[in-house]
Structure formats: structure tokens, C-alpha cells
C-alpha atoms as a PDB file:
ATOM      1  CA  MET A   1      10.950  56.053-102.753  1.00  0.00           C
ATOM      2  CA  VAL A   2       8.509  53.831-104.590  1.00  0.00           C
ATOM      3  CA  LEU A   3       7.906  50.289-103.290  1.00  0.00           C
ATOM      4  CA  TYR A   4       6.955  47.304-105.438  1.00  0.00           C
ATOM      5  CA  LYS A   5       5.774  43.803-104.636  1.00  0.00           C
ATOM      6  CA  LEU A   6       8.474  41.232-105.314  1.00  0.00           C
ATOM      7  CA  ASP A   7       6.460  39.252-107.852  1.00  0.00           C
ATOM      8  CA  GLU A   8       5.617  42.416-109.782  1.00  0.00           C
ATOM      9  CA  TYR A   9       9.179  43.731-109.652  1.00  0.00           C
ATOM     10  CA  TYR A  10      10.699  40.439-110.805  1.00  0.00           C
ATOM     11  CA  PRO A  11       8.095  37.796-111.749  1.00  0.00           C
ATOM     12  CA  ASN A  12      10.551  34.869-111.966  1.00  0.00           C
ATOM     13  CA  TYR A  13      12.064  35.591-108.541  1.00  0.00           C
ATOM     14  CA  GLN A  14      11.480  32.088-107.169  1.00  0.00           C
ATOM     15  CA  ASN A  15      13.585  30.245-109.748  1.00  0.00           C
ATOM     16  CA  GLU A  16      16.144  32.883-110.715  1.00  0.00           C
ATOM     17  CA  ILE A  17      16.711  34.669-107.414  1.00  0.00           C
ATOM     18  CA  PHE A  18      15.602  32.493-104.474  1.00  0.00           C
ATOM     19  CA  ASP A  19      17.081  29.119-105.502  1.00  0.00           C
ATOM     20  CA  GLY A  20      13.588  27.656-105.885  1.00  0.00           C
ATOM     21  CA  TYR A  21      12.320  28.823-102.470  1.00  0.00           C
ATOM     22  CA  ASN A  22       8.945  30.494-102.466  1.00  0.00           C
ATOM     23  CA  ILE A  23       9.369  33.043 -99.709  1.00  0.00           C
ATOM     24  CA  LYS A  24       5.639  33.705 -99.966  1.00  0.00           C
ATOM     25  CA  ASN A  25       4.888  30.414 -98.236  1.00  0.00           C
ATOM     26  CA  PHE A  26       7.154  30.894 -95.223  1.00  0.00           C
ATOM     27  CA  ASP A  27       5.501  30.935 -91.803  1.00  0.00           C
ATOM     28  CA  VAL A  28       6.253  33.821 -89.445  1.00  0.00           C
ATOM     29  CA  TYR A  29       7.053  33.147 -85.787  1.00  0.00           C
ATOM     30  CA  ALA A  30       7.310  35.565 -82.882  1.00  0.00           C
ATOM     31  CA  GLN A  31       8.453  34.328 -79.488  1.00  0.00           C
ATOM     32  CA  ASP A  32       7.965  30.674 -80.578  1.00  0.00           C
ATOM     33  CA  ASN A  33       4.363  31.207 -81.684  1.00  0.00           C
ATOM     34  CA  LYS A  34       3.185  31.196 -85.269  1.00  0.00           C
ATOM     35  CA  VAL A  35       1.786  34.645 -85.996  1.00  0.00           C
ATOM     36  CA  GLY A  36       1.171  34.485 -89.727  1.00  0.00           C
ATOM     37  CA  SER A  37       2.609  33.808 -93.158  1.00  0.00           C
ATOM     38  CA  VAL A  38       4.604  35.806 -95.667  1.00  0.00           C
ATOM     39  CA  THR A  39       2.406  36.698 -98.639  1.00  0.00           C
ATOM     40  CA  ASN A  40       4.934  38.841-100.508  1.00  0.00           C
ATOM     41  CA  MET A  41       7.862  41.222-100.087  1.00  0.00           C
ATOM     42  CA  MET A  42       8.211  44.914-100.815  1.00  0.00           C
ATOM     43  CA  ILE A  43      11.198  46.071-102.866  1.00  0.00           C
ATOM     44  CA  ASP A  44      12.310  49.661-103.426  1.00  0.00           C
ATOM     45  CA  ASP A  45      12.980  51.033-106.896  1.00  0.00           C
ATOM     46  CA  GLU A  46      16.712  50.305-106.541  1.00  0.00           C
ATOM     47  CA  GLY A  47      16.061  46.608-105.864  1.00  0.00           C
ATOM     48  CA  TYR A  48      16.587  46.547-102.104  1.00  0.00           C
ATOM     49  CA  PHE A  49      14.362  44.350 -99.943  1.00  0.00           C
ATOM     50  CA  ARG A  50      12.459  46.533 -97.475  1.00  0.00           C
ATOM     51  CA  TYR A  51       9.505  44.635 -96.002  1.00  0.00           C
ATOM     52  CA  PHE A  52       7.838  41.273 -95.707  1.00  0.00           C
ATOM     53  CA  ILE A  53       4.078  41.439 -96.175  1.00  0.00           C
ATOM     54  CA  VAL A  54       2.674  39.221 -93.424  1.00  0.00           C
ATOM     55  CA  ASP A  55      -0.867  37.925 -93.193  1.00  0.00           C
ATOM     56  CA  THR A  56      -1.517  37.451 -89.476  1.00  0.00           C
ATOM     57  CA  GLY A  57      -4.470  35.147 -90.094  1.00  0.00           C
ATOM     58  CA  PHE A  58      -6.497  34.571 -86.962  1.00  0.00           C
ATOM     59  CA  TRP A  59      -3.714  35.825 -84.685  1.00  0.00           C
ATOM     60  CA  VAL A  60      -4.902  39.413 -85.131  1.00  0.00           C
ATOM     61  CA  PHE A  61      -8.169  39.467 -87.024  1.00  0.00           C
ATOM     62  CA  GLY A  62      -6.715  38.427 -90.389  1.00  0.00           C
ATOM     63  CA  LYS A  63      -4.782  41.649 -90.761  1.00  0.00           C
ATOM     64  CA  LYS A  64      -1.871  42.092 -93.193  1.00  0.00           C
ATOM     65  CA  ILE A  65       1.108  44.107 -91.969  1.00  0.00           C
ATOM     66  CA  LEU A  66       4.549  45.183 -93.125  1.00  0.00           C
ATOM     67  CA  LEU A  67       7.560  43.751 -91.318  1.00  0.00           C
ATOM     68  CA  PRO A  68      10.957  45.402 -91.956  1.00  0.00           C
ATOM     69  CA  VAL A  69      13.383  42.801 -93.337  1.00  0.00           C
ATOM     70  CA  GLY A  70      16.140  43.635 -90.849  1.00  0.00           C
ATOM     71  CA  MET A  71      14.011  42.473 -87.935  1.00  0.00           C
ATOM     72  CA  ALA A  72      13.723  38.911 -89.279  1.00  0.00           C
ATOM     73  CA  ARG A  73      15.867  35.797 -89.159  1.00  0.00           C
ATOM     74  CA  ILE A  74      15.095  33.151 -91.778  1.00  0.00           C
ATOM     75  CA  ASN A  75      15.320  29.367 -91.582  1.00  0.00           C
ATOM     76  CA  TYR A  76      15.103  28.159 -95.178  1.00  0.00           C
ATOM     77  CA  GLU A  77      14.952  24.446 -94.346  1.00  0.00           C
ATOM     78  CA  ASP A  78      11.942  24.907 -92.038  1.00  0.00           C
ATOM     79  CA  LYS A  79      10.494  27.652 -94.264  1.00  0.00           C
ATOM     80  CA  ARG A  80      10.146  29.997 -91.318  1.00  0.00           C
ATOM     81  CA  VAL A  81      10.772  33.650 -90.614  1.00  0.00           C
ATOM     82  CA  TYR A  82      11.575  34.371 -86.971  1.00  0.00           C
ATOM     83  CA  VAL A  83      10.922  37.789 -85.454  1.00  0.00           C
ATOM     84  CA  PRO A  84      11.713  37.564 -81.729  1.00  0.00           C
ATOM     85  CA  VAL A  85      10.850  41.208 -80.998  1.00  0.00           C
ATOM     86  CA  LEU A  86       7.438  41.124 -82.692  1.00  0.00           C
ATOM     87  CA  THR A  87       4.560  41.421 -80.244  1.00  0.00           C
ATOM     88  CA  LYS A  88       0.820  41.095 -80.579  1.00  0.00           C
ATOM     89  CA  GLN A  89       0.502  44.700 -79.395  1.00  0.00           C
ATOM     90  CA  GLN A  90       2.734  45.906 -82.235  1.00  0.00           C
ATOM     91  CA  VAL A  91       0.644  44.047 -84.786  1.00  0.00           C
ATOM     92  CA  GLU A  92      -2.551  45.507 -83.360  1.00  0.00           C
ATOM     93  CA  ASP A  93      -1.044  49.009 -83.496  1.00  0.00           C
ATOM     94  CA  LEU A  94       0.325  48.714 -87.040  1.00  0.00           C
ATOM     95  CA  PRO A  95      -1.604  50.245 -89.918  1.00  0.00           C
ATOM     96  CA  GLU A  96      -3.199  47.520 -91.992  1.00  0.00           C
ATOM     97  CA  PHE A  97      -1.652  46.740 -95.346  1.00  0.00           C
ATOM     98  CA  THR A  98      -4.026  46.123 -98.231  1.00  0.00           C
ATOM     99  CA  GLU A  99      -3.181  45.104-101.788  1.00  0.00           C
ATOM    100  CA  ASP A 100      -4.513  48.348-103.242  1.00  0.00           C
ATOM    101  CA  LEU A 101      -2.738  50.543-100.702  1.00  0.00           C
ATOM    102  CA  ALA A 102      -0.204  53.059-101.924  1.00  0.00           C
ATOM    103  CA  THR A 103       2.754  52.638 -99.591  1.00  0.00           C
ATOM    104  CA  ASP A 104       3.972  56.200 -99.481  1.00  0.00           C
ATOM    105  CA  LYS A 105       6.487  57.860 -97.155  1.00  0.00           C
ATOM    106  CA  ASP A 106       3.847  58.727 -94.568  1.00  0.00           C
ATOM    107  CA  TYR A 107       2.557  55.159 -94.410  1.00  0.00           C
ATOM    108  CA  GLU A 108       6.095  53.794 -93.989  1.00  0.00           C
ATOM    109  CA  GLU A 109       6.761  56.287 -91.208  1.00  0.00           C
ATOM    110  CA  ARG A 110       3.612  55.133 -89.400  1.00  0.00           C
ATOM    111  CA  VAL A 111       4.851  51.525 -89.668  1.00  0.00           C
ATOM    112  CA  ARG A 112       8.330  52.389 -88.355  1.00  0.00           C
ATOM    113  CA  GLY A 113       6.799  54.484 -85.584  1.00  0.00           C
ATOM    114  CA  VAL A 114       5.064  51.414 -84.154  1.00  0.00           C
ATOM    115  CA  TYR A 115       8.235  49.283 -84.200  1.00  0.00           C
ATOM    116  CA  ARG A 116      10.663  51.967 -83.048  1.00  0.00           C
ATOM    117  CA  PRO A 117       9.866  51.915 -79.288  1.00  0.00           C
ATOM    118  CA  TYR A 118      10.520  48.148 -79.189  1.00  0.00           C
ATOM    119  CA  MET A 119      13.984  48.341 -80.709  1.00  0.00           C
ATOM    120  CA  THR A 120      16.917  48.032 -78.315  1.00  0.00           C
ATOM    121  CA  THR A 121      19.245  50.186 -80.396  1.00  0.00           C
ATOM    122  CA  PRO A 122      19.250  53.836 -79.314  1.00  0.00           C
ATOM    123  CA  THR A 123      17.603  56.065 -81.876  1.00  0.00           C
ATOM    124  CA  THR A 124      18.425  59.467 -80.441  1.00  0.00           C
ATOM    125  CA  GLY A 125      19.752  62.132 -82.747  1.00  0.00           C
ATOM    126  CA  PHE A 126      17.652  61.144 -85.756  1.00  0.00           C
ATOM    127  CA  ILE A 127      14.847  63.162 -87.199  1.00  0.00           C
ATOM    128  CA  TYR A 128      12.044  60.923 -88.373  1.00  0.00           C
ATOM    129  CA  GLY A 129      10.189  62.989 -90.898  1.00  0.00           C
ATOM    130  CA  ALA A 130       8.775  61.143 -93.882  1.00  0.00           C
ATOM    131  CA  ASP A 131      10.208  63.721 -96.282  1.00  0.00           C
ATOM    132  CA  ILE A 132      13.794  63.432 -95.041  1.00  0.00           C
ATOM    133  CA  TYR A 133      13.984  59.744 -94.138  1.00  0.00           C
ATOM    134  CA  ASN A 134      16.843  57.565 -95.360  1.00  0.00           C
ATOM    135  CA  TYR A 135      16.713  53.769 -94.931  1.00  0.00           C
ATOM    136  CA  ARG A 136      20.329  53.776 -93.702  1.00  0.00           C
ATOM    137  CA  GLN A 137      19.288  55.793 -90.629  1.00  0.00           C
ATOM    138  CA  GLU A 138      17.871  52.708 -88.947  1.00  0.00           C
ATOM    139  CA  PRO A 139      19.872  49.628 -89.939  1.00  0.00           C
ATOM    140  CA  TYR A 140      18.009  47.458 -87.415  1.00  0.00           C
ATOM    141  CA  PHE A 141      15.005  47.759 -89.741  1.00  0.00           C
ATOM    142  CA  TYR A 142      16.632  47.307 -93.145  1.00  0.00           C
ATOM    143  CA  ALA A 143      20.155  45.864 -92.888  1.00  0.00           C
ATOM    144  CA  LEU A 144      20.041  42.254 -94.027  1.00  0.00           C
ATOM    145  CA  ASN A 145      21.455  40.022 -91.307  1.00  0.00           C
ATOM    146  CA  ASP A 146      20.648  36.898 -93.283  1.00  0.00           C
ATOM    147  CA  LEU A 147      23.480  36.070 -95.705  1.00  0.00           C
ATOM    148  CA  ASN A 148      21.184  34.184 -98.088  1.00  0.00           C
ATOM    149  CA  LEU A 149      18.697  37.045 -98.224  1.00  0.00           C
ATOM    150  CA  ARG A 150      21.571  39.452 -98.877  1.00  0.00           C
ATOM    151  CA  MET A 151      22.765  37.210-101.724  1.00  0.00           C
ATOM    152  CA  TYR A 152      19.209  37.044-103.125  1.00  0.00           C
ATOM    153  CA  GLU A 153      18.995  40.834-103.000  1.00  0.00           C
ATOM    154  CA  GLU A 154      22.300  41.160-104.856  1.00  0.00           C
ATOM    155  CA  ARG A 155      21.086  38.718-107.523  1.00  0.00           C
ATOM    156  CA  LEU A 156      17.834  40.602-107.888  1.00  0.00           C
ATOM    157  CA  ARG A 157      19.622  43.939-108.270  1.00  0.00           C
ATOM    158  CA  ALA A 158      22.135  42.527-110.778  1.00  0.00           C
ATOM    159  CA  ARG A 159      19.506  40.819-112.925  1.00  0.00           C
ATOM    160  CA  ARG A 160      17.207  43.794-112.791  1.00  0.00           C
ATOM    161  CA  ASN A 161      20.049  46.143-113.809  1.00  0.00           C
ATOM    162  CA  ASN A 162      21.105  43.791-116.642  1.00  0.00           C
ATOM    163  CA  SER A 163      17.571  43.628-117.998  1.00  0.00           C
ATOM    164  CA  ARG A 164      17.360  47.431-118.004  1.00  0.00           C
ATOM    165  CA  VAL A 165      20.636  47.677-119.931  1.00  0.00           C
ATOM    166  CA  ASN A 166      19.409  45.129-122.506  1.00  0.00           C
ATOM    167  CA  ILE A 167      16.212  47.112-123.037  1.00  0.00           C
ATOM    168  CA  LEU A 168      18.127  50.300-123.837  1.00  0.00           C
END
């Protein structure tokens, strides 16, 4: 499945989808320590949120990484994304995300492979091949626990679908 950056997928996301919040400016915290900032989000071609793009700044050599949306809890008032299971070792092990990178199935599988051992939910019985992967296989990565983020995703999908209908 193709992934798009939020601002490319829906340029007016801040005002029309996120109630004026600029998710790109939210700080990311792991175990009560600031570990970076959200620089964008990745959306699949059906309009589902899949990843936060996080710039780790000086925490890990200025590296950008992908963080599955289901791993995060968001505090909109404080403009923070909390990821209690994120570790420095995970970030060091993750493949670096760059703006010109094509995020294909193999790249996503490498990202999930780093996070998978740290998840508390049993993952036995699944086959993790990039060619046969389905996002519903691992809800702890992609299921939106945050009600506001789920609402924003629904708005994004509805507006995106309406704009496609109007074009036809």
C-alpha cells in the first residue's frame, strides 16, 4: 500500500481536520523524557493514519524514524505524544526515515520488526512477510486508541472521499 505525508495527502489538514492543532509541532515523550518532535504523519492511500514521522533531534544523532500511530497516546493541551514503550535502543535499531525515501512494504516490515519484540501482545501465529502483510494483523501498531485521532482520521477519509467524488 502506498503511504503519503499528511500535508501532501490533505494540505489543509490543520484547519479542516485537526481543529486547528498542528500535529507537526507536538513533542514526543518516552518514559517521561523528551525524545523528539513530530514532523509529519504517514497516511495510506485509503486515508488511514499509519505512522508519525519523529525527528529524534540530539537524542539519537538527529535521526528521523517512523512510529506506528497505535503505540502513541496524545495530549492535545500539552501538545505531546507519549510512547511509554519506546526505548533508545529501538530508535537506534530503526531504519532511518528520510524525506526522499520510498516507504515500501519491505521498509515498513523492517520498522515493525524492530518494535515487535517490545510489544506485550502475543504475536504468534502470524506470518510477517512484506508481500502478505495486513495492517489489521497487529492492532497494537495501527488501531487508534485516541478518540480525537480516530475522529480526525474519519474526517480526513470523508473529506478526501467527497473531494474525489466532486472531481469525477
